Amino acid sequence: TEMAPGDIVWVKLKGYSAWPARIGTPSTAAQKKQFEEATSKLGLDLKKKTRMVTFLGRTAQCAFVQPSALTAWGEGTQHEANSKVTKSKGQDWAAAVLEAEKAYSSSRAAGGRKRKAGSDDDSKPDDKKD
C-alpha cells in the first residue's frame, strides 16, 4: 500500500522503539535542504521513495526515511506489538500514541484517503504546547 502525506504510520529506526508519526512533504526551505542532504547519496529510485515523517508527541522532530521503516497505523499484529505499553516507553510515547489514535480516527471519519489529490494540508502536526 502506498503511503501518502497525512497518513499516520509507525516508524521503526535502528536502535529505537517504533514511534507514531505522520507522513508529510518538505515544505519549508529548511526541510527541503534537509531532504536534499539526507538523500544526496541515494540513487534516483530510492530518493523518490524517501518519505518525510514528523514524529508525534512532544518532540515533533522530522526525519527522512525509506518505506521499509514504515508500517501503516492500525495494521494487524505489528500495530498491536508496537502499541503495547511498557515501562521503558514512558509518557512521551504514550502521548504520541494517543495523538496518533486521535488523528487516525479523525482521518477515517473524514473519509481517510478521499482527500483531493495533491492536498497535504493535514500533513502538518497540530500546534504543540511545550
N, C-alpha and C. Protein backbone atom coordinates (compact mmCIF):
# COMPACT_ATOMS: atom_id res chain seq x y z
N THR A 1 0.84 -1.18 0.00
CA THR A 1 0.00 0.00 0.00
C THR A 1 0.88 1.25 0.00
N GLU A 2 0.65 2.13 -0.93
CA GLU A 2 1.40 3.38 -1.00
C GLU A 2 0.93 4.31 0.11
N MET A 3 1.87 4.83 0.87
CA MET A 3 1.53 5.75 1.94
C MET A 3 1.66 7.18 1.43
N ALA A 4 0.74 8.04 1.86
CA ALA A 4 0.66 9.39 1.32
C ALA A 4 0.77 10.43 2.44
N PRO A 5 1.09 11.67 2.07
CA PRO A 5 1.13 12.73 3.07
C PRO A 5 -0.17 12.78 3.87
N GLY A 6 -0.01 12.93 5.18
CA GLY A 6 -1.15 12.96 6.09
C GLY A 6 -1.42 11.63 6.75
N ASP A 7 -0.90 10.53 6.18
CA ASP A 7 -1.12 9.20 6.77
C ASP A 7 -0.39 9.08 8.10
N ILE A 8 -1.03 8.40 9.04
CA ILE A 8 -0.43 8.10 10.34
C ILE A 8 0.25 6.74 10.20
N VAL A 9 1.49 6.65 10.66
CA VAL A 9 2.29 5.44 10.50
C VAL A 9 3.11 5.16 11.76
N TRP A 10 3.64 3.96 11.82
CA TRP A 10 4.68 3.61 12.78
C TRP A 10 6.00 3.76 12.04
N VAL A 11 6.99 4.36 12.70
CA VAL A 11 8.34 4.44 12.12
C VAL A 11 9.27 3.66 13.04
N LYS A 12 10.00 2.72 12.45
CA LYS A 12 10.95 1.93 13.23
C LYS A 12 12.34 2.19 12.69
N LEU A 13 13.14 2.90 13.50
CA LEU A 13 14.52 3.19 13.14
C LEU A 13 15.44 2.32 13.99
N LYS A 14 16.55 1.94 13.43
CA LYS A 14 17.50 1.07 14.12
C LYS A 14 17.89 1.68 15.48
N GLY A 15 17.77 0.87 16.52
CA GLY A 15 18.16 1.32 17.85
C GLY A 15 17.05 1.99 18.63
N TYR A 16 15.87 2.14 18.05
CA TYR A 16 14.74 2.82 18.70
C TYR A 16 13.49 1.96 18.63
N SER A 17 12.59 2.17 19.59
CA SER A 17 11.27 1.54 19.51
C SER A 17 10.49 2.18 18.37
N ALA A 18 9.52 1.45 17.84
CA ALA A 18 8.64 2.04 16.83
C ALA A 18 7.94 3.24 17.46
N TRP A 19 7.77 4.30 16.68
CA TRP A 19 7.19 5.55 17.19
C TRP A 19 6.13 6.05 16.20
N PRO A 20 5.01 6.56 16.70
CA PRO A 20 3.98 7.11 15.82
C PRO A 20 4.46 8.38 15.10
N ALA A 21 4.06 8.50 13.84
CA ALA A 21 4.45 9.67 13.05
C ALA A 21 3.40 9.93 11.98
N ARG A 22 3.52 11.11 11.37
CA ARG A 22 2.65 11.48 10.25
C ARG A 22 3.54 11.74 9.04
N ILE A 23 3.16 11.18 7.89
CA ILE A 23 3.91 11.43 6.67
C ILE A 23 3.61 12.85 6.20
N GLY A 24 4.64 13.54 5.81
CA GLY A 24 4.48 14.91 5.34
C GLY A 24 5.25 15.13 4.04
N THR A 25 5.32 16.36 3.64
CA THR A 25 6.05 16.76 2.44
C THR A 25 6.94 17.93 2.83
N PRO A 26 8.23 17.89 2.46
CA PRO A 26 9.08 19.03 2.78
C PRO A 26 8.49 20.31 2.19
N SER A 27 8.17 21.28 3.04
CA SER A 27 7.53 22.48 2.54
C SER A 27 8.33 23.75 2.83
N THR A 28 9.13 23.74 3.87
CA THR A 28 9.93 24.93 4.17
C THR A 28 11.29 24.79 3.50
N ALA A 29 11.98 25.89 3.36
CA ALA A 29 13.31 25.86 2.76
C ALA A 29 14.25 24.96 3.57
N ALA A 30 14.14 25.03 4.90
CA ALA A 30 14.99 24.20 5.76
C ALA A 30 14.70 22.72 5.56
N GLN A 31 13.41 22.36 5.46
CA GLN A 31 13.05 20.96 5.24
C GLN A 31 13.53 20.47 3.87
N LYS A 32 13.39 21.31 2.87
CA LYS A 32 13.85 20.94 1.53
C LYS A 32 15.36 20.74 1.51
N LYS A 33 16.09 21.59 2.23
CA LYS A 33 17.54 21.45 2.31
C LYS A 33 17.91 20.16 3.05
N GLN A 34 17.20 19.87 4.16
CA GLN A 34 17.45 18.63 4.91
C GLN A 34 17.17 17.42 4.02
N PHE A 35 16.10 17.47 3.25
CA PHE A 35 15.77 16.37 2.34
C PHE A 35 16.90 16.14 1.35
N GLU A 36 17.40 17.22 0.74
CA GLU A 36 18.48 17.09 -0.24
C GLU A 36 19.74 16.52 0.41
N GLU A 37 20.06 16.97 1.63
CA GLU A 37 21.23 16.45 2.33
C GLU A 37 21.04 14.97 2.68
N ALA A 38 19.85 14.60 3.14
CA ALA A 38 19.58 13.23 3.56
C ALA A 38 19.56 12.26 2.39
N THR A 39 19.23 12.74 1.20
CA THR A 39 19.08 11.85 0.05
C THR A 39 20.17 12.04 -1.01
N SER A 40 21.15 12.90 -0.76
CA SER A 40 22.14 13.24 -1.79
C SER A 40 22.95 12.04 -2.26
N LYS A 41 23.14 11.04 -1.41
CA LYS A 41 23.95 9.89 -1.80
C LYS A 41 23.11 8.71 -2.29
N LEU A 42 21.80 8.91 -2.36
CA LEU A 42 20.91 7.84 -2.80
C LEU A 42 20.71 7.89 -4.31
N GLY A 43 20.43 6.75 -4.89
CA GLY A 43 20.08 6.71 -6.30
C GLY A 43 18.71 7.36 -6.49
N LEU A 44 18.37 7.69 -7.73
CA LEU A 44 17.12 8.37 -8.03
C LEU A 44 15.90 7.59 -7.55
N ASP A 45 15.92 6.25 -7.72
CA ASP A 45 14.79 5.43 -7.31
C ASP A 45 14.55 5.52 -5.79
N LEU A 46 15.62 5.38 -4.99
CA LEU A 46 15.47 5.48 -3.53
C LEU A 46 15.09 6.90 -3.11
N LYS A 47 15.63 7.89 -3.80
CA LYS A 47 15.31 9.27 -3.47
C LYS A 47 13.82 9.53 -3.63
N LYS A 48 13.23 8.98 -4.70
CA LYS A 48 11.80 9.17 -4.94
C LYS A 48 10.94 8.49 -3.88
N LYS A 49 11.44 7.40 -3.31
CA LYS A 49 10.68 6.65 -2.31
C LYS A 49 10.82 7.21 -0.90
N THR A 50 11.83 8.04 -0.67
CA THR A 50 12.09 8.60 0.66
C THR A 50 10.91 9.45 1.11
N ARG A 51 10.49 9.26 2.34
CA ARG A 51 9.35 9.99 2.91
C ARG A 51 9.80 10.83 4.09
N MET A 52 9.26 12.03 4.19
CA MET A 52 9.46 12.84 5.38
C MET A 52 8.39 12.44 6.39
N VAL A 53 8.80 12.22 7.62
CA VAL A 53 7.84 11.95 8.69
C VAL A 53 8.08 12.93 9.82
N THR A 54 7.00 13.29 10.50
CA THR A 54 7.08 14.10 11.70
C THR A 54 6.62 13.22 12.84
N PHE A 55 7.53 12.98 13.79
CA PHE A 55 7.20 12.13 14.92
C PHE A 55 6.18 12.85 15.79
N LEU A 56 5.17 12.12 16.24
CA LEU A 56 4.11 12.70 17.05
C LEU A 56 4.54 12.74 18.51
N GLY A 57 3.83 13.52 19.29
CA GLY A 57 4.19 13.70 20.69
C GLY A 57 4.87 15.03 20.89
N ARG A 58 5.57 15.13 21.98
CA ARG A 58 6.16 16.42 22.37
C ARG A 58 7.32 16.86 21.50
N THR A 59 8.01 15.93 20.85
CA THR A 59 9.22 16.31 20.11
C THR A 59 8.93 16.95 18.76
N ALA A 60 7.98 16.42 18.01
CA ALA A 60 7.64 16.91 16.67
C ALA A 60 8.87 17.03 15.78
N GLN A 61 9.81 16.10 15.93
CA GLN A 61 11.01 16.09 15.09
C GLN A 61 10.69 15.44 13.76
N CYS A 62 11.42 15.86 12.73
CA CYS A 62 11.25 15.30 11.40
C CYS A 62 12.40 14.36 11.08
N ALA A 63 12.12 13.40 10.20
CA ALA A 63 13.16 12.51 9.69
C ALA A 63 12.78 12.15 8.25
N PHE A 64 13.77 11.71 7.50
CA PHE A 64 13.57 11.26 6.14
C PHE A 64 13.89 9.78 6.11
N VAL A 65 12.90 8.95 5.77
CA VAL A 65 13.04 7.51 5.91
C VAL A 65 12.61 6.78 4.64
N GLN A 66 13.08 5.56 4.52
CA GLN A 66 12.68 4.69 3.42
C GLN A 66 11.40 3.96 3.79
N PRO A 67 10.63 3.50 2.81
CA PRO A 67 9.38 2.80 3.09
C PRO A 67 9.55 1.58 4.00
N SER A 68 10.71 0.96 3.98
CA SER A 68 10.95 -0.22 4.82
C SER A 68 10.88 0.11 6.32
N ALA A 69 11.03 1.38 6.68
CA ALA A 69 10.96 1.80 8.08
C ALA A 69 9.53 2.12 8.51
N LEU A 70 8.58 2.06 7.57
CA LEU A 70 7.20 2.47 7.84
C LEU A 70 6.25 1.28 7.90
N THR A 71 5.31 1.35 8.84
CA THR A 71 4.21 0.40 8.91
C THR A 71 2.94 1.22 9.06
N ALA A 72 1.92 0.89 8.28
CA ALA A 72 0.66 1.63 8.36
C ALA A 72 0.07 1.53 9.76
N TRP A 73 -0.50 2.60 10.23
CA TRP A 73 -1.15 2.63 11.54
C TRP A 73 -2.34 1.69 11.52
N GLY A 74 -2.52 0.93 12.60
CA GLY A 74 -3.67 0.04 12.72
C GLY A 74 -3.54 -1.25 11.95
N GLU A 75 -2.34 -1.56 11.48
CA GLU A 75 -2.15 -2.73 10.63
C GLU A 75 -1.76 -3.97 11.43
N GLY A 76 -2.71 -4.83 11.72
CA GLY A 76 -2.52 -6.16 12.27
C GLY A 76 -1.65 -6.32 13.51
N THR A 77 -0.93 -7.43 13.55
CA THR A 77 -0.17 -7.79 14.75
C THR A 77 0.98 -6.84 15.01
N GLN A 78 1.55 -6.25 13.97
CA GLN A 78 2.64 -5.29 14.17
C GLN A 78 2.12 -4.08 14.94
N HIS A 79 0.92 -3.62 14.60
CA HIS A 79 0.32 -2.50 15.32
C HIS A 79 0.11 -2.86 16.79
N GLU A 80 -0.39 -4.05 17.03
CA GLU A 80 -0.62 -4.49 18.41
C GLU A 80 0.68 -4.54 19.20
N ALA A 81 1.74 -5.08 18.59
CA ALA A 81 3.05 -5.17 19.26
C ALA A 81 3.61 -3.78 19.53
N ASN A 82 3.52 -2.88 18.55
CA ASN A 82 4.05 -1.52 18.72
C ASN A 82 3.28 -0.75 19.78
N SER A 83 1.97 -1.01 19.89
CA SER A 83 1.11 -0.26 20.81
C SER A 83 1.22 -0.73 22.26
N LYS A 84 1.86 -1.85 22.48
CA LYS A 84 1.94 -2.42 23.83
C LYS A 84 2.72 -1.47 24.74
N VAL A 85 2.10 -1.10 25.84
CA VAL A 85 2.73 -0.18 26.79
C VAL A 85 3.73 -0.96 27.64
N THR A 86 4.93 -0.42 27.74
CA THR A 86 5.94 -0.99 28.63
C THR A 86 6.50 0.13 29.49
N LYS A 87 7.12 -0.24 30.58
CA LYS A 87 7.67 0.77 31.49
C LYS A 87 8.72 1.64 30.82
N SER A 88 9.48 1.06 29.89
CA SER A 88 10.58 1.81 29.28
C SER A 88 10.12 2.86 28.27
N LYS A 89 8.88 2.79 27.80
CA LYS A 89 8.43 3.71 26.75
C LYS A 89 8.08 5.09 27.27
N GLY A 90 7.55 5.21 28.46
CA GLY A 90 7.35 6.50 29.09
C GLY A 90 6.16 7.30 28.61
N GLN A 91 6.01 8.47 29.22
CA GLN A 91 4.86 9.34 28.98
C GLN A 91 4.86 9.97 27.59
N ASP A 92 6.04 10.32 27.07
CA ASP A 92 6.10 10.93 25.73
C ASP A 92 5.57 9.96 24.69
N TRP A 93 5.94 8.70 24.82
CA TRP A 93 5.48 7.68 23.89
C TRP A 93 3.97 7.50 24.01
N ALA A 94 3.46 7.44 25.24
CA ALA A 94 2.01 7.28 25.45
C ALA A 94 1.25 8.46 24.85
N ALA A 95 1.78 9.67 25.02
CA ALA A 95 1.14 10.87 24.45
C ALA A 95 1.16 10.81 22.93
N ALA A 96 2.26 10.33 22.36
CA ALA A 96 2.37 10.23 20.90
C ALA A 96 1.36 9.22 20.35
N VAL A 97 1.18 8.10 21.06
CA VAL A 97 0.21 7.09 20.61
C VAL A 97 -1.20 7.66 20.68
N LEU A 98 -1.51 8.38 21.74
CA LEU A 98 -2.83 8.98 21.89
C LEU A 98 -3.09 9.99 20.77
N GLU A 99 -2.09 10.82 20.47
CA GLU A 99 -2.22 11.80 19.39
C GLU A 99 -2.44 11.09 18.05
N ALA A 100 -1.71 10.00 17.82
CA ALA A 100 -1.86 9.24 16.58
C ALA A 100 -3.24 8.61 16.48
N GLU A 101 -3.73 8.05 17.58
CA GLU A 101 -5.06 7.43 17.57
C GLU A 101 -6.13 8.46 17.22
N LYS A 102 -6.03 9.65 17.81
CA LYS A 102 -7.00 10.72 17.53
C LYS A 102 -6.93 11.14 16.06
N ALA A 103 -5.71 11.33 15.55
CA ALA A 103 -5.54 11.75 14.16
C ALA A 103 -6.03 10.67 13.19
N TYR A 104 -5.74 9.43 13.52
CA TYR A 104 -6.17 8.31 12.67
C TYR A 104 -7.69 8.21 12.66
N SER A 105 -8.31 8.32 13.82
CA SER A 105 -9.77 8.26 13.91
C SER A 105 -10.42 9.40 13.15
N SER A 106 -9.87 10.60 13.28
CA SER A 106 -10.40 11.77 12.57
C SER A 106 -10.29 11.59 11.07
N SER A 107 -9.16 11.06 10.62
CA SER A 107 -8.94 10.85 9.19
C SER A 107 -9.91 9.82 8.64
N ARG A 108 -10.16 8.76 9.40
CA ARG A 108 -11.10 7.73 8.94
C ARG A 108 -12.52 8.28 8.92
N ALA A 109 -12.88 9.08 9.92
CA ALA A 109 -14.22 9.67 9.98
C ALA A 109 -14.43 10.64 8.82
N ALA A 110 -13.34 11.28 8.38
CA ALA A 110 -13.43 12.25 7.28
C ALA A 110 -13.28 11.58 5.92
N GLY A 111 -13.20 10.28 5.90
CA GLY A 111 -13.09 9.57 4.62
C GLY A 111 -11.69 9.13 4.28
N GLY A 112 -10.76 9.23 5.23
CA GLY A 112 -9.40 8.72 5.02
C GLY A 112 -8.73 9.31 3.83
N ARG A 113 -8.41 8.49 2.86
CA ARG A 113 -7.63 8.90 1.69
C ARG A 113 -8.46 9.60 0.63
N LYS A 114 -9.67 9.97 0.93
CA LYS A 114 -10.51 10.61 -0.08
C LYS A 114 -10.24 12.11 -0.15
N ARG A 115 -9.00 12.50 0.22
CA ARG A 115 -8.60 13.89 0.11
C ARG A 115 -8.38 14.23 -1.36
N LYS A 116 -8.37 15.54 -1.66
CA LYS A 116 -8.07 15.96 -3.02
C LYS A 116 -6.63 15.58 -3.34
N ALA A 117 -6.39 15.15 -4.55
CA ALA A 117 -5.04 14.82 -4.97
C ALA A 117 -4.15 16.04 -4.81
N GLY A 118 -2.97 15.82 -4.26
CA GLY A 118 -2.01 16.91 -4.08
C GLY A 118 -2.23 17.70 -2.81
N SER A 119 -3.29 17.44 -2.08
CA SER A 119 -3.54 18.17 -0.85
C SER A 119 -2.85 17.49 0.30
N ASP A 120 -1.94 18.21 0.97
CA ASP A 120 -1.29 17.62 2.13
C ASP A 120 -1.43 18.54 3.34
N ASP A 121 -2.52 19.31 3.36
CA ASP A 121 -2.73 20.23 4.47
C ASP A 121 -2.70 19.52 5.81
N ASP A 122 -3.24 18.29 5.86
CA ASP A 122 -3.28 17.61 7.14
C ASP A 122 -1.98 16.86 7.42
N SER A 123 -0.91 17.13 6.65
CA SER A 123 0.37 16.52 6.95
C SER A 123 1.13 17.31 8.00
N LYS A 124 0.62 18.50 8.33
CA LYS A 124 1.28 19.32 9.33
C LYS A 124 0.81 18.92 10.71
N PRO A 125 1.74 18.81 11.67
CA PRO A 125 1.32 18.43 13.00
C PRO A 125 0.47 19.50 13.65
N ASP A 126 -0.37 19.10 14.57
CA ASP A 126 -1.18 20.05 15.32
C ASP A 126 -0.26 20.98 16.09
N ASP A 127 -0.77 22.14 16.48
CA ASP A 127 0.02 23.06 17.29
C ASP A 127 0.48 22.35 18.54
N LYS A 128 1.75 22.48 18.84
CA LYS A 128 2.33 21.82 20.01
C LYS A 128 2.42 22.80 21.16
N LYS A 129 2.24 22.29 22.34
CA LYS A 129 2.43 23.11 23.53
C LYS A 129 3.62 22.54 24.29
N ASP A 130 4.55 23.38 24.62
CA ASP A 130 5.75 22.91 25.33
C ASP A 130 5.51 22.78 26.79
